[in-house]
Every structure is written in C-alpha cells, then in structure tokens.
Amino acid sequence: MRAVVQRVSRASVRVGDEVVGEIGPGLCVLVGVAQGDAEADAAALAEKVVGLRIFEDEAGKMNRDLLEVGGAILAVSQFTLLGDARKGRRPSFVDAMEPGRAAELFSRFCEEARARGARVQTGRFRAHMQVELVNDGPVTILLDTRKVF
C-alpha cells in the first residue's frame, strides 16, 4: 500500500455538494492499494501513520504523534498513487488492485487506525471527490509498505 500523509490544520472531502468527511488538525492520508497487498499491509500502514512523530513539541521539534496532539485522520482512497508514468505521457494503473478488494483493504486500514485510537473520517470509495486541505508546515511524508518500515 502507498500513502501520501499530509499534516493539516483542517481537511475535508466532498462528493458533489455533500461533505462526506471533515477533520480539524491531524492528517490527510491519500491511500493507494496495490496488486498483492494484504491485511498485513493495511495494519502496518495504519500503525505507521498513527505513530508518525510529525507534530511539533514545545521546542518546535517534530516529536509528537497523532494521538499525543489529539488529531484525526481524513483517509481518502486514491488508486492514482499506483500510476506508472515511466513510459509515454499517459499513466498506467495496472499495479492498482481491482476495486472490490481495494475497497476492503482501504476499509481495513481505517479500522486498524481506529483500533489504535485514531478518529478517522473518510471519503467515498470510487466516487469523484474534491479534497480540500490546509497543509500545516508544509509537512508531507510518502509511505509504501513494500519498502521496509
């Protein structure tokens, strides 16, 4: 699984005119599920995201995790994170998992994050979404469960 993790002061996701997920301070996490990913990837990614020490302490150092600062997660499924644009100008998405299984693993990621104490809001799987966020810092971290954590 791949994720783009952004520290935010606020974030929301809309489907049409409806706000389907919204958080204040915390993390906006764009999640892509790859061919071959499994429940263990969802659990490992959730553990890493919830435990990332990317929030500032009193000294201004990134030393605190999501739970320590009382933040939330806005998780948004995004198969385009698996896009391969090495050849040509149109990305290939053959590395992305088929939607049915991808939805299950995305949901598992959210459940695993909740099980670790995080408050989690989500977008709507396979919907055209509009994501708004204020990146705080900016702080943006790339994660991939195929790379050793």
C-alpha atoms as a PDB file:
ATOM      1  CA  MET A   1       0.000   0.000   0.000  1.00  0.00           C
ATOM      2  CA  ARG A   2       1.121   3.519  -0.712  1.00  0.00           C
ATOM      3  CA  ALA A   3       0.201   6.632   1.197  1.00  0.00           C
ATOM      4  CA  VAL A   4       0.771  10.343   0.992  1.00  0.00           C
ATOM      5  CA  VAL A   5       0.493  11.670   4.537  1.00  0.00           C
ATOM      6  CA  GLN A   6      -0.002  15.397   4.978  1.00  0.00           C
ATOM      7  CA  ARG A   7      -0.075  17.182   8.319  1.00  0.00           C
ATOM      8  CA  VAL A   8      -3.058  19.513   8.156  1.00  0.00           C
ATOM      9  CA  SER A   9      -4.730  22.199  10.206  1.00  0.00           C
ATOM     10  CA  ARG A  10      -8.005  21.149   8.554  1.00  0.00           C
ATOM     11  CA  ALA A  11      -9.211  18.984   5.681  1.00  0.00           C
ATOM     12  CA  SER A  12     -12.469  17.948   4.076  1.00  0.00           C
ATOM     13  CA  VAL A  13     -13.727  15.850   1.197  1.00  0.00           C
ATOM     14  CA  ARG A  14     -16.857  16.458  -0.856  1.00  0.00           C
ATOM     15  CA  VAL A  15     -18.818  14.297  -3.230  1.00  0.00           C
ATOM     16  CA  GLY A  16     -20.926  16.670  -5.275  1.00  0.00           C
ATOM     17  CA  ASP A  17     -22.391  19.193  -2.836  1.00  0.00           C
ATOM     18  CA  GLU A  18     -22.125  16.853   0.168  1.00  0.00           C
ATOM     19  CA  VAL A  19     -19.275  16.968   2.698  1.00  0.00           C
ATOM     20  CA  VAL A  20     -18.643  13.285   3.394  1.00  0.00           C
ATOM     21  CA  GLY A  21     -15.601  13.662   5.663  1.00  0.00           C
ATOM     22  CA  GLU A  22     -14.072  16.534   7.601  1.00  0.00           C
ATOM     23  CA  ILE A  23     -11.396  16.979  10.264  1.00  0.00           C
ATOM     24  CA  GLY A  24      -9.636  19.750  12.113  1.00  0.00           C
ATOM     25  CA  PRO A  25      -5.942  19.347  12.956  1.00  0.00           C
ATOM     26  CA  GLY A  26      -4.460  15.994  12.044  1.00  0.00           C
ATOM     27  CA  LEU A  27      -3.500  14.037   8.954  1.00  0.00           C
ATOM     28  CA  CYS A  28      -4.937  13.850   5.463  1.00  0.00           C
ATOM     29  CA  VAL A  29      -3.913  10.421   4.173  1.00  0.00           C
ATOM     30  CA  LEU A  30      -4.266   9.526   0.496  1.00  0.00           C
ATOM     31  CA  VAL A  31      -4.176   5.712   0.245  1.00  0.00           C
ATOM     32  CA  GLY A  32      -3.467   3.566  -2.810  1.00  0.00           C
ATOM     33  CA  VAL A  33      -3.856  -0.217  -2.741  1.00  0.00           C
ATOM     34  CA  ALA A  34      -1.519  -2.238  -4.961  1.00  0.00           C
ATOM     35  CA  GLN A  35      -1.782  -5.673  -6.524  1.00  0.00           C
ATOM     36  CA  GLY A  36      -0.598  -8.188  -3.945  1.00  0.00           C
ATOM     37  CA  ASP A  37      -1.389  -6.075  -0.882  1.00  0.00           C
ATOM     38  CA  ALA A  38      -2.991  -7.883   2.055  1.00  0.00           C
ATOM     39  CA  GLU A  39      -4.459  -7.268   5.508  1.00  0.00           C
ATOM     40  CA  ALA A  40      -0.940  -7.154   6.955  1.00  0.00           C
ATOM     41  CA  ASP A  41      -0.157  -4.160   4.715  1.00  0.00           C
ATOM     42  CA  ALA A  42      -3.243  -2.322   5.963  1.00  0.00           C
ATOM     43  CA  ALA A  43      -2.290  -2.986   9.582  1.00  0.00           C
ATOM     44  CA  ALA A  44       1.356  -1.970   9.073  1.00  0.00           C
ATOM     45  CA  LEU A  45       0.374   1.222   7.267  1.00  0.00           C
ATOM     46  CA  ALA A  46      -2.141   2.160   9.974  1.00  0.00           C
ATOM     47  CA  GLU A  47       0.425   1.579  12.708  1.00  0.00           C
ATOM     48  CA  LYS A  48       2.988   3.713  10.895  1.00  0.00           C
ATOM     49  CA  VAL A  49       0.549   6.563  10.154  1.00  0.00           C
ATOM     50  CA  VAL A  50      -0.874   6.754  13.676  1.00  0.00           C
ATOM     51  CA  GLY A  51       2.615   6.591  15.193  1.00  0.00           C
ATOM     52  CA  LEU A  52       4.366   9.088  12.897  1.00  0.00           C
ATOM     53  CA  ARG A  53       6.053  11.716  15.045  1.00  0.00           C
ATOM     54  CA  ILE A  54       5.448  14.688  12.756  1.00  0.00           C
ATOM     55  CA  PHE A  55       3.743  17.080  15.142  1.00  0.00           C
ATOM     56  CA  GLU A  56       5.742  19.704  16.995  1.00  0.00           C
ATOM     57  CA  ASP A  57       6.513  19.635  20.696  1.00  0.00           C
ATOM     58  CA  GLU A  58       7.094  22.670  22.931  1.00  0.00           C
ATOM     59  CA  ALA A  59      10.599  23.090  21.478  1.00  0.00           C
ATOM     60  CA  GLY A  60       9.276  23.156  17.903  1.00  0.00           C
ATOM     61  CA  LYS A  61      10.696  19.725  17.036  1.00  0.00           C
ATOM     62  CA  MET A  62       8.639  17.071  15.268  1.00  0.00           C
ATOM     63  CA  ASN A  63       8.380  14.748  18.256  1.00  0.00           C
ATOM     64  CA  ARG A  64       4.672  14.044  18.786  1.00  0.00           C
ATOM     65  CA  ASP A  65       2.324  11.622  17.101  1.00  0.00           C
ATOM     66  CA  LEU A  66      -1.318  11.987  16.125  1.00  0.00           C
ATOM     67  CA  LEU A  67      -2.731  10.677  19.408  1.00  0.00           C
ATOM     68  CA  GLU A  68      -0.481  12.891  21.528  1.00  0.00           C
ATOM     69  CA  VAL A  69      -1.850  16.020  19.846  1.00  0.00           C
ATOM     70  CA  GLY A  70      -5.476  14.828  19.725  1.00  0.00           C
ATOM     71  CA  GLY A  71      -5.589  14.937  15.931  1.00  0.00           C
ATOM     72  CA  ALA A  72      -7.757  12.994  13.489  1.00  0.00           C
ATOM     73  CA  ILE A  73      -7.261  11.283  10.137  1.00  0.00           C
ATOM     74  CA  LEU A  74      -9.070  12.061   6.901  1.00  0.00           C
ATOM     75  CA  ALA A  75      -8.430   8.940   4.784  1.00  0.00           C
ATOM     76  CA  VAL A  76      -9.093   9.160   1.046  1.00  0.00           C
ATOM     77  CA  SER A  77      -8.731   6.240  -1.336  1.00  0.00           C
ATOM     78  CA  GLN A  78      -6.626   7.139  -4.358  1.00  0.00           C
ATOM     79  CA  PHE A  79      -5.728   4.449  -6.887  1.00  0.00           C
ATOM     80  CA  THR A  80      -3.757   7.003  -8.914  1.00  0.00           C
ATOM     81  CA  LEU A  81      -0.918   6.685  -6.373  1.00  0.00           C
ATOM     82  CA  LEU A  82      -0.141   3.434  -8.217  1.00  0.00           C
ATOM     83  CA  GLY A  83       0.141   5.207 -11.571  1.00  0.00           C
ATOM     84  CA  ASP A  84       3.267   4.394 -13.574  1.00  0.00           C
ATOM     85  CA  ALA A  85       4.246   7.204 -15.931  1.00  0.00           C
ATOM     86  CA  ARG A  86       7.733   5.994 -16.844  1.00  0.00           C
ATOM     87  CA  LYS A  87       6.691   5.328 -20.447  1.00  0.00           C
ATOM     88  CA  GLY A  88       4.706   7.746 -22.535  1.00  0.00           C
ATOM     89  CA  ARG A  89       2.537  10.505 -21.184  1.00  0.00           C
ATOM     90  CA  ARG A  90      -0.499   8.533 -20.062  1.00  0.00           C
ATOM     91  CA  PRO A  91      -0.006   6.718 -16.731  1.00  0.00           C
ATOM     92  CA  SER A  92      -0.673   3.001 -16.490  1.00  0.00           C
ATOM     93  CA  PHE A  93      -2.653   1.806 -13.486  1.00  0.00           C
ATOM     94  CA  VAL A  94      -2.073  -1.936 -13.884  1.00  0.00           C
ATOM     95  CA  ASP A  95      -0.351  -2.026 -10.478  1.00  0.00           C
ATOM     96  CA  ALA A  96      -3.521  -0.862  -8.709  1.00  0.00           C
ATOM     97  CA  MET A  97      -5.646  -3.563  -7.095  1.00  0.00           C
ATOM     98  CA  GLU A  98      -9.089  -4.299  -8.507  1.00  0.00           C
ATOM     99  CA  PRO A  99     -11.731  -2.073  -6.872  1.00  0.00           C
ATOM    100  CA  GLY A 100     -13.620  -4.685  -4.822  1.00  0.00           C
ATOM    101  CA  ARG A 101     -10.597  -5.972  -2.950  1.00  0.00           C
ATOM    102  CA  ALA A 102      -9.051  -2.484  -2.797  1.00  0.00           C
ATOM    103  CA  ALA A 103     -12.173  -1.202  -1.010  1.00  0.00           C
ATOM    104  CA  GLU A 104     -11.844  -3.998   1.565  1.00  0.00           C
ATOM    105  CA  LEU A 105      -8.195  -3.178   2.263  1.00  0.00           C
ATOM    106  CA  PHE A 106      -8.848   0.564   2.402  1.00  0.00           C
ATOM    107  CA  SER A 107     -11.595  -0.113   4.962  1.00  0.00           C
ATOM    108  CA  ARG A 108      -9.225  -2.382   6.856  1.00  0.00           C
ATOM    109  CA  PHE A 109      -6.646   0.435   7.004  1.00  0.00           C
ATOM    110  CA  CYS A 110      -9.311   2.723   8.515  1.00  0.00           C
ATOM    111  CA  GLU A 111     -10.404   0.040  11.028  1.00  0.00           C
ATOM    112  CA  GLU A 112      -6.799  -0.586  12.047  1.00  0.00           C
ATOM    113  CA  ALA A 113      -6.204   3.150  12.571  1.00  0.00           C
ATOM    114  CA  ARG A 114      -9.360   3.346  14.718  1.00  0.00           C
ATOM    115  CA  ALA A 115      -8.237   0.291  16.704  1.00  0.00           C
ATOM    116  CA  ARG A 116      -5.054   2.214  17.532  1.00  0.00           C
ATOM    117  CA  GLY A 117      -7.108   5.093  18.957  1.00  0.00           C
ATOM    118  CA  ALA A 118      -7.349   7.430  15.951  1.00  0.00           C
ATOM    119  CA  ARG A 119     -10.520   9.244  14.985  1.00  0.00           C
ATOM    120  CA  VAL A 120     -10.986   8.562  11.274  1.00  0.00           C
ATOM    121  CA  GLN A 121     -13.164  10.243   8.657  1.00  0.00           C
ATOM    122  CA  THR A 122     -13.163   9.041   5.044  1.00  0.00           C
ATOM    123  CA  GLY A 123     -14.015   9.994   1.534  1.00  0.00           C
ATOM    124  CA  ARG A 124     -16.294   7.781  -0.569  1.00  0.00           C
ATOM    125  CA  PHE A 125     -14.631   4.900  -2.388  1.00  0.00           C
ATOM    126  CA  ARG A 126     -14.774   5.123  -6.216  1.00  0.00           C
ATOM    127  CA  ALA A 127     -16.529   8.493  -6.132  1.00  0.00           C
ATOM    128  CA  HIS A 128     -15.304  11.661  -7.807  1.00  0.00           C
ATOM    129  CA  MET A 129     -14.147  13.609  -4.775  1.00  0.00           C
ATOM    130  CA  GLN A 130     -12.969  17.123  -4.096  1.00  0.00           C
ATOM    131  CA  VAL A 131     -10.401  17.214  -1.314  1.00  0.00           C
ATOM    132  CA  GLU A 132      -9.613  20.494   0.401  1.00  0.00           C
ATOM    133  CA  LEU A 133      -6.840  20.824   2.936  1.00  0.00           C
ATOM    134  CA  VAL A 134      -4.520  23.256   4.583  1.00  0.00           C
ATOM    135  CA  ASN A 135      -1.122  21.556   4.726  1.00  0.00           C
ATOM    136  CA  ASP A 136       0.468  22.582   8.021  1.00  0.00           C
ATOM    137  CA  GLY A 137       4.192  23.225   7.660  1.00  0.00           C
ATOM    138  CA  PRO A 138       4.003  22.057   4.924  1.00  0.00           C
ATOM    139  CA  VAL A 139       4.703  18.512   6.065  1.00  0.00           C
ATOM    140  CA  THR A 140       4.207  15.701   3.544  1.00  0.00           C
ATOM    141  CA  ILE A 141       5.505  12.145   4.006  1.00  0.00           C
ATOM    142  CA  LEU A 142       5.440   9.310   1.450  1.00  0.00           C
ATOM    143  CA  LEU A 143       4.955   5.754   2.740  1.00  0.00           C
ATOM    144  CA  ASP A 144       4.998   2.416   0.937  1.00  0.00           C
ATOM    145  CA  THR A 145       4.527  -0.921   2.692  1.00  0.00           C
ATOM    146  CA  ARG A 146       6.740  -2.575   0.069  1.00  0.00           C
ATOM    147  CA  LYS A 147       9.624  -0.574   1.487  1.00  0.00           C
ATOM    148  CA  VAL A 148      10.736  -1.733   4.910  1.00  0.00           C
ATOM    149  CA  PHE A 149       9.326   0.388   7.738  1.00  0.00           C
END
